[in-house]
């Protein structure tokens, strides 16, 4: 099984994260940020990734450090689980509707972390969650995973629906990209490396 496990401790957060890429979507999430846990549950369930997360963060300051650091750890664990990337499909794309919202995710497990977000989140908060943290999470995840990630909103007005659609489409695209292709041997790159 392709697994990744990361522990990260700073003065702001203390995180342990483990994932199994070839899982069933089981998850146990305790980030201290309820909306983040809800989104990570979507990622695990729809990406068929088993995910365990515990985090103690300085949420009394705000959620920024926790959200960003969880993104870092998730990206590092994914990269660890993929190893050299031999036999993977590499590319994935998906559309995921959530009521009136529709978001397209396209990604390339390229070894080059990059993110392009086109999400129109008009409200500053979803509950007590700052919507600007969606970008912080995606940037931290993509950079540390070494994936090029594009998220483009095609429809939607409700912030919760837009963000949930983004996480669901990411889950589906990631599921495709990391799937093994029985016809592929070696690393899916003309350079011979994804790193």
Protein backbone atom coordinates (compact mmCIF):
# COMPACT_ATOMS: atom_id res chain seq x y z
CA UNK A 1 0.00 0.00 0.00
CA UNK A 2 1.13 3.51 -0.79
CA UNK A 3 1.29 5.32 2.53
CA UNK A 4 2.60 8.59 3.88
CA UNK A 5 3.10 9.71 7.45
CA UNK A 6 4.23 13.15 8.56
CA UNK A 7 4.76 14.66 12.00
CA UNK A 8 5.41 18.39 12.22
CA UNK A 9 5.87 20.41 15.37
CA UNK A 10 6.40 24.15 15.52
CA UNK A 11 5.66 26.82 18.10
CA UNK A 12 2.29 27.26 16.33
CA UNK A 13 1.12 23.72 15.57
CA UNK A 14 1.74 20.09 16.47
CA UNK A 15 0.49 17.80 13.68
CA UNK A 16 0.48 14.10 12.95
CA UNK A 17 -1.00 13.07 9.62
CA UNK A 18 -1.16 9.65 7.97
CA UNK A 19 -2.70 8.65 4.68
CA UNK A 20 -3.22 5.56 2.57
CA UNK A 21 -3.69 6.40 -1.11
CA UNK A 22 -5.30 3.07 -1.95
CA UNK A 23 -7.89 3.29 0.79
CA UNK A 24 -11.65 3.32 1.06
CA UNK A 25 -12.22 6.90 2.23
CA UNK A 26 -12.08 6.22 5.97
CA UNK A 27 -11.06 9.24 8.00
CA UNK A 28 -10.44 10.39 11.54
CA UNK A 29 -9.93 14.13 11.63
CA UNK A 30 -9.19 16.43 14.57
CA UNK A 31 -7.58 19.61 13.30
CA UNK A 32 -9.28 21.91 15.79
CA UNK A 33 -10.93 23.68 12.83
CA UNK A 34 -14.37 22.13 12.25
CA UNK A 35 -14.85 23.48 8.70
CA UNK A 36 -11.40 22.21 7.67
CA UNK A 37 -12.26 18.77 9.07
CA UNK A 38 -15.48 18.83 7.03
CA UNK A 39 -13.54 19.63 3.84
CA UNK A 40 -10.85 17.04 4.52
CA UNK A 41 -13.61 14.47 5.02
CA UNK A 42 -14.78 15.27 1.47
CA UNK A 43 -11.23 14.83 0.18
CA UNK A 44 -10.83 11.47 1.88
CA UNK A 45 -14.29 10.09 1.09
CA UNK A 46 -14.40 11.06 -2.59
CA UNK A 47 -10.70 10.53 -3.23
CA UNK A 48 -10.81 7.08 -1.58
CA UNK A 49 -7.90 8.11 0.63
CA UNK A 50 -7.75 6.87 4.20
CA UNK A 51 -6.76 9.87 6.28
CA UNK A 52 -5.90 10.31 9.95
CA UNK A 53 -5.12 13.73 11.37
CA UNK A 54 -4.51 15.13 14.82
CA UNK A 55 -3.50 18.73 15.31
CA UNK A 56 -3.05 21.05 18.23
CA UNK A 57 -2.74 24.59 16.96
CA UNK A 58 -2.86 28.16 18.17
CA UNK A 59 -6.51 28.53 17.12
CA UNK A 60 -6.97 31.13 19.85
CA UNK A 61 -4.94 33.44 17.57
CA UNK A 62 -6.85 32.40 14.44
CA UNK A 63 -7.06 29.38 12.12
CA UNK A 64 -4.33 30.48 9.70
CA UNK A 65 -1.36 28.53 11.09
CA UNK A 66 -3.39 25.34 11.53
CA UNK A 67 -4.93 25.42 8.06
CA UNK A 68 -1.65 26.18 6.31
CA UNK A 69 0.36 23.64 8.30
CA UNK A 70 -2.21 20.89 7.71
CA UNK A 71 -1.92 21.68 3.99
CA UNK A 72 1.87 21.36 4.24
CA UNK A 73 1.61 18.00 6.01
CA UNK A 74 -1.00 16.63 3.61
CA UNK A 75 1.18 17.59 0.65
CA UNK A 76 4.29 16.03 2.19
CA UNK A 77 2.42 12.81 3.03
CA UNK A 78 1.05 12.55 -0.51
CA UNK A 79 4.50 13.03 -2.01
CA UNK A 80 5.89 10.41 0.35
CA UNK A 81 3.14 7.94 -0.57
CA UNK A 82 3.76 8.41 -4.30
CA UNK A 83 7.49 7.77 -4.10
CA UNK A 84 8.97 8.17 -7.59
CA UNK A 85 5.50 8.11 -9.14
CA UNK A 86 6.10 4.98 -11.16
CA UNK A 87 3.03 3.70 -12.97
CA UNK A 88 0.66 6.53 -12.02
CA UNK A 89 -1.66 8.20 -14.49
CA UNK A 90 -0.18 11.59 -13.46
CA UNK A 91 -3.01 13.81 -14.75
CA UNK A 92 -6.49 14.16 -13.33
CA UNK A 93 -9.45 16.44 -13.86
CA UNK A 94 -12.98 16.53 -12.51
CA UNK A 95 -16.10 18.61 -12.16
CA UNK A 96 -18.05 18.41 -8.93
CA UNK A 97 -21.41 20.15 -8.47
CA UNK A 98 -22.68 21.16 -5.06
CA UNK A 99 -26.19 22.52 -5.50
CA UNK A 100 -25.75 25.78 -7.48
CA UNK A 101 -21.93 25.63 -7.29
CA UNK A 102 -19.69 23.94 -9.85
CA UNK A 103 -15.89 23.80 -9.66
CA UNK A 104 -13.40 22.29 -12.08
CA UNK A 105 -10.17 20.80 -10.71
CA UNK A 106 -7.28 19.86 -12.96
CA UNK A 107 -3.97 18.64 -11.66
CA UNK A 108 -0.64 17.28 -12.77
CA UNK A 109 1.56 15.26 -10.43
CA UNK A 110 4.54 16.95 -12.05
CA UNK A 111 6.94 17.40 -9.17
CA UNK A 112 6.44 21.14 -9.62
CA UNK A 113 4.20 22.67 -7.00
CA UNK A 114 1.99 25.40 -8.42
CA UNK A 115 -1.60 26.52 -7.85
CA UNK A 116 -4.02 28.69 -9.81
CA UNK A 117 -7.29 29.50 -8.04
CA UNK A 118 -10.30 31.14 -9.60
CA UNK A 119 -12.87 30.98 -6.82
CA UNK A 120 -15.25 33.86 -6.16
CA UNK A 121 -15.79 33.73 -2.41
CA UNK A 122 -17.72 36.92 -1.72
CA UNK A 123 -18.22 36.44 2.02
CA UNK A 124 -15.21 36.88 4.27
CA UNK A 125 -16.27 33.96 6.49
CA UNK A 126 -18.04 30.63 6.38
CA UNK A 127 -19.14 30.32 9.99
CA UNK A 128 -15.95 31.23 11.86
CA UNK A 129 -13.67 30.09 9.01
CA UNK A 130 -11.93 32.84 7.00
CA UNK A 131 -12.53 32.12 3.31
CA UNK A 132 -9.07 33.45 2.41
CA UNK A 133 -7.66 30.33 4.13
CA UNK A 134 -8.89 28.16 1.25
CA UNK A 135 -6.14 29.67 -0.91
CA UNK A 136 -3.57 29.22 1.87
CA UNK A 137 -4.46 25.55 2.24
CA UNK A 138 -4.38 24.83 -1.50
CA UNK A 139 -1.07 26.65 -1.95
CA UNK A 140 0.55 24.78 0.95
CA UNK A 141 -0.80 21.45 -0.26
CA UNK A 142 0.18 21.85 -3.93
CA UNK A 143 3.65 23.22 -3.16
CA UNK A 144 4.52 20.42 -0.76
CA UNK A 145 2.91 17.66 -2.83
CA UNK A 146 4.70 18.81 -5.97
CA UNK A 147 1.48 19.06 -7.96
CA UNK A 148 0.28 21.69 -10.38
CA UNK A 149 -3.30 22.42 -9.37
CA UNK A 150 -5.94 24.53 -11.10
CA UNK A 151 -9.31 25.15 -9.44
CA UNK A 152 -11.83 27.14 -11.46
CA UNK A 153 -15.31 28.06 -10.32
CA UNK A 154 -17.84 27.73 -13.14
CA UNK A 155 -20.95 28.54 -11.11
CA UNK A 156 -22.04 29.30 -7.56
CA UNK A 157 -22.92 31.98 -5.05
CA UNK A 158 -22.92 30.20 -1.67
CA UNK A 159 -19.44 30.17 -0.15
CA UNK A 160 -19.86 26.85 1.63
CA UNK A 161 -21.07 25.19 -1.57
CA UNK A 162 -18.22 26.66 -3.64
CA UNK A 163 -15.51 25.50 -1.25
CA UNK A 164 -17.08 22.06 -0.83
CA UNK A 165 -17.34 21.72 -4.61
CA UNK A 166 -13.64 22.65 -4.85
CA UNK A 167 -12.59 20.00 -2.34
CA UNK A 168 -14.79 17.35 -3.96
CA UNK A 169 -13.47 18.09 -7.45
CA UNK A 170 -9.91 18.04 -6.06
CA UNK A 171 -10.62 14.64 -4.50
CA UNK A 172 -11.91 13.19 -7.77
CA UNK A 173 -9.06 14.64 -9.84
CA UNK A 174 -6.46 13.44 -7.35
CA UNK A 175 -8.01 9.98 -7.31
CA UNK A 176 -7.56 9.77 -11.10
CA UNK A 177 -4.05 11.24 -11.13
CA UNK A 178 -2.57 8.89 -8.52
CA UNK A 179 -4.31 5.78 -9.88
CA UNK A 180 -1.97 3.22 -11.37
CA UNK A 181 -2.21 2.56 -15.08
CA UNK A 182 -1.70 -1.14 -15.88
CA UNK A 183 -0.26 -0.23 -19.29
CA UNK A 184 2.33 2.17 -17.91
CA UNK A 185 5.81 1.14 -16.85
CA UNK A 186 8.17 3.53 -15.15
CA UNK A 187 7.64 7.20 -14.47
CA UNK A 188 5.10 9.05 -16.66
CA UNK A 189 7.53 11.68 -17.94
CA UNK A 190 9.74 12.04 -21.00
CA UNK A 191 12.40 13.34 -18.60
CA UNK A 192 12.36 10.05 -16.71
CA UNK A 193 11.63 11.77 -13.40
CA UNK A 194 8.80 13.63 -11.69
CA UNK A 195 11.11 15.17 -9.08
